[in-house]
Amino acid sequence: MVIGLKRGMSVDGKPNKSNEIVYGIINEFVREFVRRNQSIRCYDLIGVDFSNEEAFREARRKGIFSEVCTKYVSDAVEIVESLIG
């Protein structure tokens, strides 16, 4: 979302040349995030099936989100900053 807001659509909301640029930046983001973390899917990263309410509650009880997700959010911020500065 940040990449799209920073480099995205024209004022009237119609696709323009900048869309190609945005897609390129997003692809770079995904490549770098996967290089660092082996995936972009939450399930692959933290092993929690969000469609399973009991698994979600158990992950929350164990503190998985605060322990594990913080690194992924930090990585995402670093990558975005490096791409759109």
PDB file of N, CA and C in Angstrom:
ATOM      1  N   MET A   1       0.817  -1.189   0.000  1.00  0.00           N
ATOM      2  CA  MET A   1       0.000   0.000   0.000  1.00  0.00           C
ATOM      3  C   MET A   1       0.862   1.255   0.000  1.00  0.00           C
ATOM      4  N   VAL A   2       1.912   1.232   0.787  1.00  0.00           N
ATOM      5  CA  VAL A   2       2.788   2.404   0.856  1.00  0.00           C
ATOM      6  C   VAL A   2       3.419   2.672  -0.504  1.00  0.00           C
ATOM      7  N   ILE A   3       3.870   1.632  -1.164  1.00  0.00           N
ATOM      8  CA  ILE A   3       4.489   1.794  -2.481  1.00  0.00           C
ATOM      9  C   ILE A   3       3.488   2.398  -3.460  1.00  0.00           C
ATOM     10  N   GLY A   4       2.268   1.893  -3.455  1.00  0.00           N
ATOM     11  CA  GLY A   4       1.234   2.422  -4.339  1.00  0.00           C
ATOM     12  C   GLY A   4       0.900   3.868  -4.046  1.00  0.00           C
ATOM     13  N   LEU A   5       0.819   4.210  -2.768  1.00  0.00           N
ATOM     14  CA  LEU A   5       0.527   5.592  -2.400  1.00  0.00           C
ATOM     15  C   LEU A   5       1.642   6.539  -2.817  1.00  0.00           C
ATOM     16  N   LYS A   6       2.862   6.084  -2.664  1.00  0.00           N
ATOM     17  CA  LYS A   6       4.021   6.936  -2.970  1.00  0.00           C
ATOM     18  C   LYS A   6       4.256   7.062  -4.484  1.00  0.00           C
ATOM     19  N   ARG A   7       4.069   5.972  -5.225  1.00  0.00           N
ATOM     20  CA  ARG A   7       4.445   5.960  -6.644  1.00  0.00           C
ATOM     21  C   ARG A   7       3.309   5.582  -7.588  1.00  0.00           C
ATOM     22  N   GLY A   8       2.068   5.517  -7.089  1.00  0.00           N
ATOM     23  CA  GLY A   8       0.970   4.900  -7.819  1.00  0.00           C
ATOM     24  C   GLY A   8       0.198   5.717  -8.813  1.00  0.00           C
ATOM     25  N   MET A   9      -1.100   5.489  -8.818  1.00  0.00           N
ATOM     26  CA  MET A   9      -2.042   5.987  -9.810  1.00  0.00           C
ATOM     27  C   MET A   9      -1.993   7.507  -9.972  1.00  0.00           C
ATOM     28  N   SER A  10      -2.513   7.932 -11.088  1.00  0.00           N
ATOM     29  CA  SER A  10      -2.640   9.357 -11.355  1.00  0.00           C
ATOM     30  C   SER A  10      -3.720   9.940 -10.441  1.00  0.00           C
ATOM     31  N   VAL A  11      -3.846  11.228 -10.438  1.00  0.00           N
ATOM     32  CA  VAL A  11      -4.810  11.914  -9.580  1.00  0.00           C
ATOM     33  C   VAL A  11      -6.240  11.459  -9.867  1.00  0.00           C
ATOM     34  N   ASP A  12      -6.557  11.196 -11.131  1.00  0.00           N
ATOM     35  CA  ASP A  12      -7.924  10.788 -11.476  1.00  0.00           C
ATOM     36  C   ASP A  12      -8.160   9.294 -11.250  1.00  0.00           C
ATOM     37  N   GLY A  13      -7.164   8.564 -10.760  1.00  0.00           N
ATOM     38  CA  GLY A  13      -7.323   7.149 -10.434  1.00  0.00           C
ATOM     39  C   GLY A  13      -7.233   6.206 -11.612  1.00  0.00           C
ATOM     40  N   LYS A  14      -6.898   6.720 -12.774  1.00  0.00           N
ATOM     41  CA  LYS A  14      -6.779   5.875 -13.958  1.00  0.00           C
ATOM     42  C   LYS A  14      -5.353   5.360 -14.087  1.00  0.00           C
ATOM     43  N   PRO A  15      -5.217   4.133 -14.605  1.00  0.00           N
ATOM     44  CA  PRO A  15      -3.858   3.591 -14.792  1.00  0.00           C
ATOM     45  C   PRO A  15      -3.027   4.501 -15.688  1.00  0.00           C
ATOM     46  N   ASN A  16      -1.760   4.579 -15.397  1.00  0.00           N
ATOM     47  CA  ASN A  16      -0.849   5.354 -16.227  1.00  0.00           C
ATOM     48  C   ASN A  16       0.524   4.686 -16.196  1.00  0.00           C
ATOM     49  N   LYS A  17       1.498   5.330 -16.752  1.00  0.00           N
ATOM     50  CA  LYS A  17       2.855   4.783 -16.835  1.00  0.00           C
ATOM     51  C   LYS A  17       3.411   4.426 -15.456  1.00  0.00           C
ATOM     52  N   SER A  18       2.985   5.149 -14.433  1.00  0.00           N
ATOM     53  CA  SER A  18       3.516   4.895 -13.100  1.00  0.00           C
ATOM     54  C   SER A  18       3.142   3.507 -12.588  1.00  0.00           C
ATOM     55  N   ASN A  19       2.064   2.905 -13.104  1.00  0.00           N
ATOM     56  CA  ASN A  19       1.693   1.558 -12.664  1.00  0.00           C
ATOM     57  C   ASN A  19       2.806   0.559 -12.952  1.00  0.00           C
ATOM     58  N   GLU A  20       3.422   0.681 -14.091  1.00  0.00           N
ATOM     59  CA  GLU A  20       4.530  -0.211 -14.435  1.00  0.00           C
ATOM     60  C   GLU A  20       5.666  -0.049 -13.425  1.00  0.00           C
ATOM     61  N   ILE A  21       5.920   1.173 -13.038  1.00  0.00           N
ATOM     62  CA  ILE A  21       6.970   1.446 -12.051  1.00  0.00           C
ATOM     63  C   ILE A  21       6.599   0.820 -10.713  1.00  0.00           C
ATOM     64  N   VAL A  22       5.339   1.002 -10.300  1.00  0.00           N
ATOM     65  CA  VAL A  22       4.870   0.447  -9.030  1.00  0.00           C
ATOM     66  C   VAL A  22       4.995  -1.071  -9.033  1.00  0.00           C
ATOM     67  N   TYR A  23       4.558  -1.709 -10.106  1.00  0.00           N
ATOM     68  CA  TYR A  23       4.650  -3.174 -10.173  1.00  0.00           C
ATOM     69  C   TYR A  23       6.104  -3.630 -10.094  1.00  0.00           C
ATOM     70  N   GLY A  24       6.993  -2.910 -10.716  1.00  0.00           N
ATOM     71  CA  GLY A  24       8.416  -3.239 -10.639  1.00  0.00           C
ATOM     72  C   GLY A  24       8.949  -3.119  -9.216  1.00  0.00           C
ATOM     73  N   ILE A  25       8.563  -2.042  -8.528  1.00  0.00           N
ATOM     74  CA  ILE A  25       9.007  -1.852  -7.142  1.00  0.00           C
ATOM     75  C   ILE A  25       8.428  -2.945  -6.247  1.00  0.00           C
ATOM     76  N   ILE A  26       7.152  -3.276  -6.456  1.00  0.00           N
ATOM     77  CA  ILE A  26       6.529  -4.347  -5.661  1.00  0.00           C
ATOM     78  C   ILE A  26       7.249  -5.664  -5.897  1.00  0.00           C
ATOM     79  N   ASN A  27       7.584  -5.958  -7.134  1.00  0.00           N
ATOM     80  CA  ASN A  27       8.330  -7.195  -7.421  1.00  0.00           C
ATOM     81  C   ASN A  27       9.682  -7.202  -6.717  1.00  0.00           C
ATOM     82  N   GLU A  28      10.360  -6.062  -6.707  1.00  0.00           N
ATOM     83  CA  GLU A  28      11.636  -5.968  -5.984  1.00  0.00           C
ATOM     84  C   GLU A  28      11.419  -6.192  -4.488  1.00  0.00           C
ATOM     85  N   PHE A  29      10.348  -5.605  -3.939  1.00  0.00           N
ATOM     86  CA  PHE A  29      10.028  -5.794  -2.525  1.00  0.00           C
ATOM     87  C   PHE A  29       9.838  -7.278  -2.220  1.00  0.00           C
ATOM     88  N   VAL A  30       9.016  -7.939  -3.025  1.00  0.00           N
ATOM     89  CA  VAL A  30       8.736  -9.363  -2.796  1.00  0.00           C
ATOM     90  C   VAL A  30      10.016 -10.178  -2.886  1.00  0.00           C
ATOM     91  N   ARG A  31      10.829  -9.937  -3.895  1.00  0.00           N
ATOM     92  CA  ARG A  31      12.091 -10.687  -4.037  1.00  0.00           C
ATOM     93  C   ARG A  31      12.982 -10.530  -2.802  1.00  0.00           C
ATOM     94  N   GLU A  32      13.117  -9.300  -2.329  1.00  0.00           N
ATOM     95  CA  GLU A  32      13.982  -9.063  -1.173  1.00  0.00           C
ATOM     96  C   GLU A  32      13.384  -9.657   0.104  1.00  0.00           C
ATOM     97  N   PHE A  33      12.075  -9.530   0.283  1.00  0.00           N
ATOM     98  CA  PHE A  33      11.448 -10.100   1.478  1.00  0.00           C
ATOM     99  C   PHE A  33      11.599 -11.617   1.479  1.00  0.00           C
ATOM    100  N   VAL A  34      11.393 -12.241   0.341  1.00  0.00           N
ATOM    101  CA  VAL A  34      11.555 -13.701   0.231  1.00  0.00           C
ATOM    102  C   VAL A  34      13.018 -14.092   0.437  1.00  0.00           C
ATOM    103  N   ARG A  35      13.946 -13.297  -0.080  1.00  0.00           N
ATOM    104  CA  ARG A  35      15.360 -13.594   0.136  1.00  0.00           C
ATOM    105  C   ARG A  35      15.675 -13.623   1.625  1.00  0.00           C
ATOM    106  N   ARG A  36      15.126 -12.676   2.353  1.00  0.00           N
ATOM    107  CA  ARG A  36      15.398 -12.602   3.788  1.00  0.00           C
ATOM    108  C   ARG A  36      14.634 -13.646   4.604  1.00  0.00           C
ATOM    109  N   ASN A  37      13.416 -13.969   4.171  1.00  0.00           N
ATOM    110  CA  ASN A  37      12.513 -14.746   5.029  1.00  0.00           C
ATOM    111  C   ASN A  37      11.947 -16.016   4.397  1.00  0.00           C
ATOM    112  N   GLN A  38      12.322 -16.322   3.170  1.00  0.00           N
ATOM    113  CA  GLN A  38      11.925 -17.519   2.448  1.00  0.00           C
ATOM    114  C   GLN A  38      10.460 -17.556   1.999  1.00  0.00           C
ATOM    115  N   SER A  39       9.650 -16.583   2.345  1.00  0.00           N
ATOM    116  CA  SER A  39       8.246 -16.565   1.927  1.00  0.00           C
ATOM    117  C   SER A  39       7.656 -15.192   2.196  1.00  0.00           C
ATOM    118  N   ILE A  40       6.471 -14.942   1.593  1.00  0.00           N
ATOM    119  CA  ILE A  40       5.705 -13.752   1.944  1.00  0.00           C
ATOM    120  C   ILE A  40       4.374 -14.145   2.584  1.00  0.00           C
ATOM    121  N   ARG A  41       4.092 -15.433   2.649  1.00  0.00           N
ATOM    122  CA  ARG A  41       2.830 -15.921   3.223  1.00  0.00           C
ATOM    123  C   ARG A  41       2.940 -16.067   4.733  1.00  0.00           C
ATOM    124  N   CYS A  42       1.964 -15.486   5.439  1.00  0.00           N
ATOM    125  CA  CYS A  42       1.970 -15.555   6.906  1.00  0.00           C
ATOM    126  C   CYS A  42       2.052 -16.995   7.405  1.00  0.00           C
ATOM    127  N   TYR A  43       1.299 -17.883   6.796  1.00  0.00           N
ATOM    128  CA  TYR A  43       1.320 -19.267   7.265  1.00  0.00           C
ATOM    129  C   TYR A  43       2.722 -19.857   7.176  1.00  0.00           C
ATOM    130  N   ASP A  44       3.393 -19.599   6.074  1.00  0.00           N
ATOM    131  CA  ASP A  44       4.761 -20.108   5.914  1.00  0.00           C
ATOM    132  C   ASP A  44       5.718 -19.471   6.918  1.00  0.00           C
ATOM    133  N   LEU A  45       5.497 -18.206   7.226  1.00  0.00           N
ATOM    134  CA  LEU A  45       6.397 -17.475   8.109  1.00  0.00           C
ATOM    135  C   LEU A  45       6.213 -17.848   9.578  1.00  0.00           C
ATOM    136  N   ILE A  46       4.956 -17.946  10.020  1.00  0.00           N
ATOM    137  CA  ILE A  46       4.724 -18.179  11.447  1.00  0.00           C
ATOM    138  C   ILE A  46       4.018 -19.477  11.765  1.00  0.00           C
ATOM    139  N   GLY A  47       3.548 -20.165  10.717  1.00  0.00           N
ATOM    140  CA  GLY A  47       2.943 -21.484  10.926  1.00  0.00           C
ATOM    141  C   GLY A  47       1.587 -21.467  11.608  1.00  0.00           C
ATOM    142  N   VAL A  48       0.843 -20.374  11.458  1.00  0.00           N
ATOM    143  CA  VAL A  48      -0.476 -20.288  12.068  1.00  0.00           C
ATOM    144  C   VAL A  48      -1.524 -20.182  10.971  1.00  0.00           C
ATOM    145  N   ASP A  49      -2.518 -21.058  11.047  1.00  0.00           N
ATOM    146  CA  ASP A  49      -3.633 -21.029  10.105  1.00  0.00           C
ATOM    147  C   ASP A  49      -4.678 -20.057  10.643  1.00  0.00           C
ATOM    148  N   PHE A  50      -4.762 -18.866  10.052  1.00  0.00           N
ATOM    149  CA  PHE A  50      -5.666 -17.835  10.541  1.00  0.00           C
ATOM    150  C   PHE A  50      -7.132 -18.198  10.361  1.00  0.00           C
ATOM    151  N   SER A  51      -7.444 -19.181   9.524  1.00  0.00           N
ATOM    152  CA  SER A  51      -8.834 -19.604   9.373  1.00  0.00           C
ATOM    153  C   SER A  51      -9.260 -20.527  10.512  1.00  0.00           C
ATOM    154  N   ASN A  52      -8.305 -20.985  11.319  1.00  0.00           N
ATOM    155  CA  ASN A  52      -8.595 -21.843  12.461  1.00  0.00           C
ATOM    156  C   ASN A  52      -8.571 -20.977  13.726  1.00  0.00           C
ATOM    157  N   GLU A  53      -9.755 -20.706  14.244  1.00  0.00           N
ATOM    158  CA  GLU A  53      -9.860 -19.792  15.381  1.00  0.00           C
ATOM    159  C   GLU A  53      -9.085 -20.287  16.597  1.00  0.00           C
ATOM    160  N   GLU A  54      -9.104 -21.576  16.843  1.00  0.00           N
ATOM    161  CA  GLU A  54      -8.378 -22.135  17.990  1.00  0.00           C
ATOM    162  C   GLU A  54      -6.866 -21.972  17.811  1.00  0.00           C
ATOM    163  N   ALA A  55      -6.358 -22.220  16.610  1.00  0.00           N
ATOM    164  CA  ALA A  55      -4.932 -22.050  16.332  1.00  0.00           C
ATOM    165  C   ALA A  55      -4.530 -20.585  16.499  1.00  0.00           C
ATOM    166  N   PHE A  56      -5.397 -19.696  16.061  1.00  0.00           N
ATOM    167  CA  PHE A  56      -5.128 -18.263  16.206  1.00  0.00           C
ATOM    168  C   PHE A  56      -5.046 -17.880  17.680  1.00  0.00           C
ATOM    169  N   ARG A  57      -6.010 -18.334  18.475  1.00  0.00           N
ATOM    170  CA  ARG A  57      -5.997 -18.030  19.920  1.00  0.00           C
ATOM    171  C   ARG A  57      -4.758 -18.602  20.592  1.00  0.00           C
ATOM    172  N   GLU A  58      -4.380 -19.812  20.215  1.00  0.00           N
ATOM    173  CA  GLU A  58      -3.195 -20.452  20.803  1.00  0.00           C
ATOM    174  C   GLU A  58      -1.929 -19.668  20.448  1.00  0.00           C
ATOM    175  N   ALA A  59      -1.833 -19.220  19.215  1.00  0.00           N
ATOM    176  CA  ALA A  59      -0.672 -18.418  18.799  1.00  0.00           C
ATOM    177  C   ALA A  59      -0.621 -17.115  19.578  1.00  0.00           C
ATOM    178  N   ARG A  60      -1.759 -16.498  19.757  1.00  0.00           N
ATOM    179  CA  ARG A  60      -1.816 -15.254  20.533  1.00  0.00           C
ATOM    180  C   ARG A  60      -1.408 -15.515  21.984  1.00  0.00           C
ATOM    181  N   ARG A  61      -1.903 -16.599  22.560  1.00  0.00           N
ATOM    182  CA  ARG A  61      -1.570 -16.944  23.948  1.00  0.00           C
ATOM    183  C   ARG A  61      -0.073 -17.173  24.115  1.00  0.00           C
ATOM    184  N   LYS A  62       0.551 -17.791  23.115  1.00  0.00           N
ATOM    185  CA  LYS A  62       1.989 -18.077  23.173  1.00  0.00           C
ATOM    186  C   LYS A  62       2.846 -16.854  22.844  1.00  0.00           C
ATOM    187  N   GLY A  63       2.227 -15.775  22.396  1.00  0.00           N
ATOM    188  CA  GLY A  63       2.973 -14.566  22.067  1.00  0.00           C
ATOM    189  C   GLY A  63       3.698 -14.628  20.732  1.00  0.00           C
ATOM    190  N   ILE A  64       3.257 -15.524  19.872  1.00  0.00           N
ATOM    191  CA  ILE A  64       3.928 -15.697  18.577  1.00  0.00           C
ATOM    192  C   ILE A  64       3.921 -14.400  17.767  1.00  0.00           C
ATOM    193  N   PHE A  65       2.815 -13.700  17.771  1.00  0.00           N
ATOM    194  CA  PHE A  65       2.719 -12.494  16.949  1.00  0.00           C
ATOM    195  C   PHE A  65       3.697 -11.422  17.405  1.00  0.00           C
ATOM    196  N   SER A  66       3.769 -11.193  18.692  1.00  0.00           N
ATOM    197  CA  SER A  66       4.676 -10.152  19.181  1.00  0.00           C
ATOM    198  C   SER A  66       6.132 -10.576  19.090  1.00  0.00           C
ATOM    199  N   GLU A  67       6.408 -11.857  19.182  1.00  0.00           N
ATOM    200  CA  GLU A  67       7.791 -12.333  19.109  1.00  0.00           C
ATOM    201  C   GLU A  67       8.298 -12.464  17.681  1.00  0.00           C
ATOM    202  N   VAL A  68       7.467 -13.021  16.818  1.00  0.00           N
ATOM    203  CA  VAL A  68       7.915 -13.367  15.470  1.00  0.00           C
ATOM    204  C   VAL A  68       7.595 -12.288  14.445  1.00  0.00           C
ATOM    205  N   CYS A  69       6.395 -11.759  14.496  1.00  0.00           N
ATOM    206  CA  CYS A  69       5.948 -10.821  13.462  1.00  0.00           C
ATOM    207  C   CYS A  69       6.733  -9.514  13.466  1.00  0.00           C
ATOM    208  N   THR A  70       7.233  -9.120  14.603  1.00  0.00           N
ATOM    209  CA  THR A  70       7.982  -7.876  14.702  1.00  0.00           C
ATOM    210  C   THR A  70       9.152  -7.853  13.726  1.00  0.00           C
ATOM    211  N   LYS A  71       9.853  -8.962  13.597  1.00  0.00           N
ATOM    212  CA  LYS A  71      10.986  -9.045  12.667  1.00  0.00           C
ATOM    213  C   LYS A  71      10.508  -8.869  11.224  1.00  0.00           C
ATOM    214  N   TYR A  72       9.383  -9.489  10.879  1.00  0.00           N
ATOM    215  CA  TYR A  72       8.885  -9.395   9.507  1.00  0.00           C
ATOM    216  C   TYR A  72       8.418  -7.974   9.180  1.00  0.00           C
ATOM    217  N   VAL A  73       7.765  -7.333  10.124  1.00  0.00           N
ATOM    218  CA  VAL A  73       7.334  -5.948   9.916  1.00  0.00           C
ATOM    219  C   VAL A  73       8.561  -5.053   9.766  1.00  0.00           C
ATOM    220  N   SER A  74       9.554  -5.263  10.598  1.00  0.00           N
ATOM    221  CA  SER A  74      10.787  -4.483  10.515  1.00  0.00           C
ATOM    222  C   SER A  74      11.469  -4.683   9.166  1.00  0.00           C
ATOM    223  N   ASP A  75      11.547  -5.929   8.710  1.00  0.00           N
ATOM    224  CA  ASP A  75      12.119  -6.201   7.396  1.00  0.00           C
ATOM    225  C   ASP A  75      11.344  -5.475   6.305  1.00  0.00           C
ATOM    226  N   ALA A  76      10.018  -5.521   6.374  1.00  0.00           N
ATOM    227  CA  ALA A  76       9.190  -4.881   5.364  1.00  0.00           C
ATOM    228  C   ALA A  76       9.443  -3.376   5.322  1.00  0.00           C
ATOM    229  N   VAL A  77       9.522  -2.761   6.489  1.00  0.00           N
ATOM    230  CA  VAL A  77       9.794  -1.314   6.554  1.00  0.00           C
ATOM    231  C   VAL A  77      11.155  -0.991   5.962  1.00  0.00           C
ATOM    232  N   GLU A  78      12.180  -1.755   6.342  1.00  0.00           N
ATOM    233  CA  GLU A  78      13.519  -1.516   5.802  1.00  0.00           C
ATOM    234  C   GLU A  78      13.537  -1.631   4.281  1.00  0.00           C
ATOM    235  N   ILE A  79      12.875  -2.645   3.766  1.00  0.00           N
ATOM    236  CA  ILE A  79      12.872  -2.861   2.315  1.00  0.00           C
ATOM    237  C   ILE A  79      12.152  -1.716   1.613  1.00  0.00           C
ATOM    238  N   VAL A  80      10.970  -1.340   2.094  1.00  0.00           N
ATOM    239  CA  VAL A  80      10.224  -0.250   1.482  1.00  0.00           C
ATOM    240  C   VAL A  80      11.030   1.042   1.521  1.00  0.00           C
ATOM    241  N   GLU A  81      11.639   1.329   2.662  1.00  0.00           N
ATOM    242  CA  GLU A  81      12.445   2.547   2.757  1.00  0.00           C
ATOM    243  C   GLU A  81      13.583   2.535   1.745  1.00  0.00           C
ATOM    244  N   SER A  82      14.195   1.380   1.551  1.00  0.00           N
ATOM    245  CA  SER A  82      15.313   1.306   0.597  1.00  0.00           C
ATOM    246  C   SER A  82      14.823   1.468  -0.850  1.00  0.00           C
ATOM    247  N   LEU A  83      13.588   1.091  -1.124  1.00  0.00           N
ATOM    248  CA  LEU A  83      13.070   1.149  -2.486  1.00  0.00           C
ATOM    249  C   LEU A  83      12.458   2.495  -2.849  1.00  0.00           C
ATOM    250  N   ILE A  84      11.843   3.156  -1.886  1.00  0.00           N
ATOM    251  CA  ILE A  84      11.173   4.414  -2.232  1.00  0.00           C
ATOM    252  C   ILE A  84      11.710   5.602  -1.459  1.00  0.00           C
ATOM    253  N   GLY A  85      12.587   5.314  -0.478  1.00  0.00           N
ATOM    254  CA  GLY A  85      13.263   6.331   0.302  1.00  0.00           C
ATOM    255  C   GLY A  85      12.494   7.549   0.505  1.00  0.00           C
TER     256      GLY A  85
END
